């Protein structure tokens, strides 16, 4: 399971580029991935099945993309997200 989890984390590290709409999105995406990775590690620590963790990871990818998208559509609203993430 450790190898499978490390593959998940490796793929998560690529997410900011897949979400990117402009250059500033990379820093926000990296911050999101850091938060998401700690959540995924917590799930693994609770002994959840890899398939269950994968479902959560898939949803986190969608959530991250949506956050980045909304930040670009509504830039004034995105300030709160970047402040919360420290990006």
C-alpha atoms as a PDB file:
ATOM      1  CA  UNK A   1       0.000   0.000   0.000  1.00  0.00           C
ATOM      2  CA  UNK A   2       2.904   2.378   0.684  1.00  0.00           C
ATOM      3  CA  UNK A   3       4.029   2.131  -2.943  1.00  0.00           C
ATOM      4  CA  UNK A   4       0.492   2.796  -4.152  1.00  0.00           C
ATOM      5  CA  UNK A   5       0.208   5.818  -1.861  1.00  0.00           C
ATOM      6  CA  UNK A   6       3.535   7.194  -3.050  1.00  0.00           C
ATOM      7  CA  UNK A   7       2.264   6.918  -6.632  1.00  0.00           C
ATOM      8  CA  UNK A   8      -0.836   8.889  -5.610  1.00  0.00           C
ATOM      9  CA  UNK A   9       1.333  11.591  -4.062  1.00  0.00           C
ATOM     10  CA  UNK A  10       3.550  11.678  -7.176  1.00  0.00           C
ATOM     11  CA  UNK A  11       0.488  12.227  -9.365  1.00  0.00           C
ATOM     12  CA  UNK A  12      -0.859  14.864  -6.987  1.00  0.00           C
ATOM     13  CA  UNK A  13       2.397  16.807  -7.401  1.00  0.00           C
ATOM     14  CA  UNK A  14       1.508  17.200 -11.098  1.00  0.00           C
ATOM     15  CA  UNK A  15      -1.933  18.668 -10.438  1.00  0.00           C
ATOM     16  CA  UNK A  16      -0.999  22.369 -10.294  1.00  0.00           C
ATOM     17  CA  UNK A  17       0.111  22.245 -13.940  1.00  0.00           C
ATOM     18  CA  UNK A  18      -3.140  20.549 -14.966  1.00  0.00           C
ATOM     19  CA  UNK A  19      -5.175  23.251 -13.192  1.00  0.00           C
ATOM     20  CA  UNK A  20      -3.070  26.191 -14.395  1.00  0.00           C
ATOM     21  CA  UNK A  21      -4.837  28.983 -16.229  1.00  0.00           C
ATOM     22  CA  UNK A  22      -2.092  31.563 -15.609  1.00  0.00           C
ATOM     23  CA  UNK A  23       1.324  31.632 -13.933  1.00  0.00           C
ATOM     24  CA  UNK A  24       0.002  32.633 -10.493  1.00  0.00           C
ATOM     25  CA  UNK A  25      -2.114  29.474 -10.360  1.00  0.00           C
ATOM     26  CA  UNK A  26       0.940  27.267  -9.828  1.00  0.00           C
ATOM     27  CA  UNK A  27       1.673  28.655  -6.343  1.00  0.00           C
ATOM     28  CA  UNK A  28      -1.975  28.336  -5.342  1.00  0.00           C
ATOM     29  CA  UNK A  29      -2.115  24.842  -6.823  1.00  0.00           C
ATOM     30  CA  UNK A  30       0.998  23.815  -4.897  1.00  0.00           C
ATOM     31  CA  UNK A  31      -0.586  25.124  -1.693  1.00  0.00           C
ATOM     32  CA  UNK A  32      -3.785  23.207  -2.411  1.00  0.00           C
ATOM     33  CA  UNK A  33      -1.841  20.011  -3.060  1.00  0.00           C
ATOM     34  CA  UNK A  34      -0.015  20.407   0.260  1.00  0.00           C
ATOM     35  CA  UNK A  35      -3.324  20.647   2.111  1.00  0.00           C
ATOM     36  CA  UNK A  36      -4.846  17.809   0.098  1.00  0.00           C
ATOM     37  CA  UNK A  37      -1.784  15.590   0.660  1.00  0.00           C
ATOM     38  CA  UNK A  38      -2.061  15.906   4.423  1.00  0.00           C
ATOM     39  CA  UNK A  39      -5.744  14.945   4.139  1.00  0.00           C
ATOM     40  CA  UNK A  40      -4.869  11.893   2.028  1.00  0.00           C
ATOM     41  CA  UNK A  41      -2.166  10.887   4.510  1.00  0.00           C
ATOM     42  CA  UNK A  42      -4.756  11.163   7.266  1.00  0.00           C
ATOM     43  CA  UNK A  43      -7.086   8.872   5.341  1.00  0.00           C
ATOM     44  CA  UNK A  44      -4.309   6.328   4.966  1.00  0.00           C
ATOM     45  CA  UNK A  45      -3.590   6.604   8.684  1.00  0.00           C
ATOM     46  CA  UNK A  46      -7.175   5.650   9.426  1.00  0.00           C
ATOM     47  CA  UNK A  47      -6.716   2.393   7.528  1.00  0.00           C
ATOM     48  CA  UNK A  48      -9.066   3.124   4.648  1.00  0.00           C
ATOM     49  CA  UNK A  49      -8.871   0.882   1.602  1.00  0.00           C
ATOM     50  CA  UNK A  50      -6.764   2.138  -1.288  1.00  0.00           C
ATOM     51  CA  UNK A  51      -9.826   2.240  -3.547  1.00  0.00           C
ATOM     52  CA  UNK A  52     -11.624   4.504  -1.064  1.00  0.00           C
ATOM     53  CA  UNK A  53      -8.592   6.768  -0.829  1.00  0.00           C
ATOM     54  CA  UNK A  54      -8.400   6.865  -4.643  1.00  0.00           C
ATOM     55  CA  UNK A  55     -12.017   8.032  -4.820  1.00  0.00           C
ATOM     56  CA  UNK A  56     -11.233  10.860  -2.421  1.00  0.00           C
ATOM     57  CA  UNK A  57      -8.117  11.745  -4.421  1.00  0.00           C
ATOM     58  CA  UNK A  58     -10.159  11.879  -7.640  1.00  0.00           C
ATOM     59  CA  UNK A  59     -12.609  14.243  -5.963  1.00  0.00           C
ATOM     60  CA  UNK A  60      -9.777  16.393  -4.613  1.00  0.00           C
ATOM     61  CA  UNK A  61      -8.419  16.803  -8.155  1.00  0.00           C
ATOM     62  CA  UNK A  62     -11.850  18.020  -9.263  1.00  0.00           C
ATOM     63  CA  UNK A  63     -12.128  20.327  -6.248  1.00  0.00           C
ATOM     64  CA  UNK A  64      -8.697  21.844  -6.845  1.00  0.00           C
ATOM     65  CA  UNK A  65      -9.470  22.485 -10.497  1.00  0.00           C
ATOM     66  CA  UNK A  66     -12.739  24.119  -9.573  1.00  0.00           C
ATOM     67  CA  UNK A  67     -11.085  26.358  -6.985  1.00  0.00           C
ATOM     68  CA  UNK A  68      -8.450  27.505  -9.496  1.00  0.00           C
ATOM     69  CA  UNK A  69     -11.108  28.056 -12.150  1.00  0.00           C
ATOM     70  CA  UNK A  70     -13.301  30.121  -9.847  1.00  0.00           C
ATOM     71  CA  UNK A  71     -10.308  32.168  -8.731  1.00  0.00           C
ATOM     72  CA  UNK A  72      -9.710  33.118 -12.359  1.00  0.00           C
ATOM     73  CA  UNK A  73     -13.359  33.852 -13.113  1.00  0.00           C
ATOM     74  CA  UNK A  74     -13.875  35.799  -9.872  1.00  0.00           C
ATOM     75  CA  UNK A  75     -10.417  37.164  -9.000  1.00  0.00           C
ATOM     76  CA  UNK A  76     -11.686  39.336  -6.136  1.00  0.00           C
ATOM     77  CA  UNK A  77     -13.148  36.276  -4.422  1.00  0.00           C
ATOM     78  CA  UNK A  78      -9.949  34.277  -4.825  1.00  0.00           C
ATOM     79  CA  UNK A  79      -8.053  36.463  -2.407  1.00  0.00           C
ATOM     80  CA  UNK A  80      -9.595  34.672   0.542  1.00  0.00           C
ATOM     81  CA  UNK A  81      -8.448  31.296  -0.786  1.00  0.00           C
ATOM     82  CA  UNK A  82      -4.876  32.440  -1.336  1.00  0.00           C
ATOM     83  CA  UNK A  83      -4.754  34.041   2.119  1.00  0.00           C
ATOM     84  CA  UNK A  84      -6.017  30.847   3.752  1.00  0.00           C
ATOM     85  CA  UNK A  85      -3.441  28.784   1.890  1.00  0.00           C
ATOM     86  CA  UNK A  86      -0.606  31.227   2.391  1.00  0.00           C
ATOM     87  CA  UNK A  87       0.015  31.321  -1.375  1.00  0.00           C
END
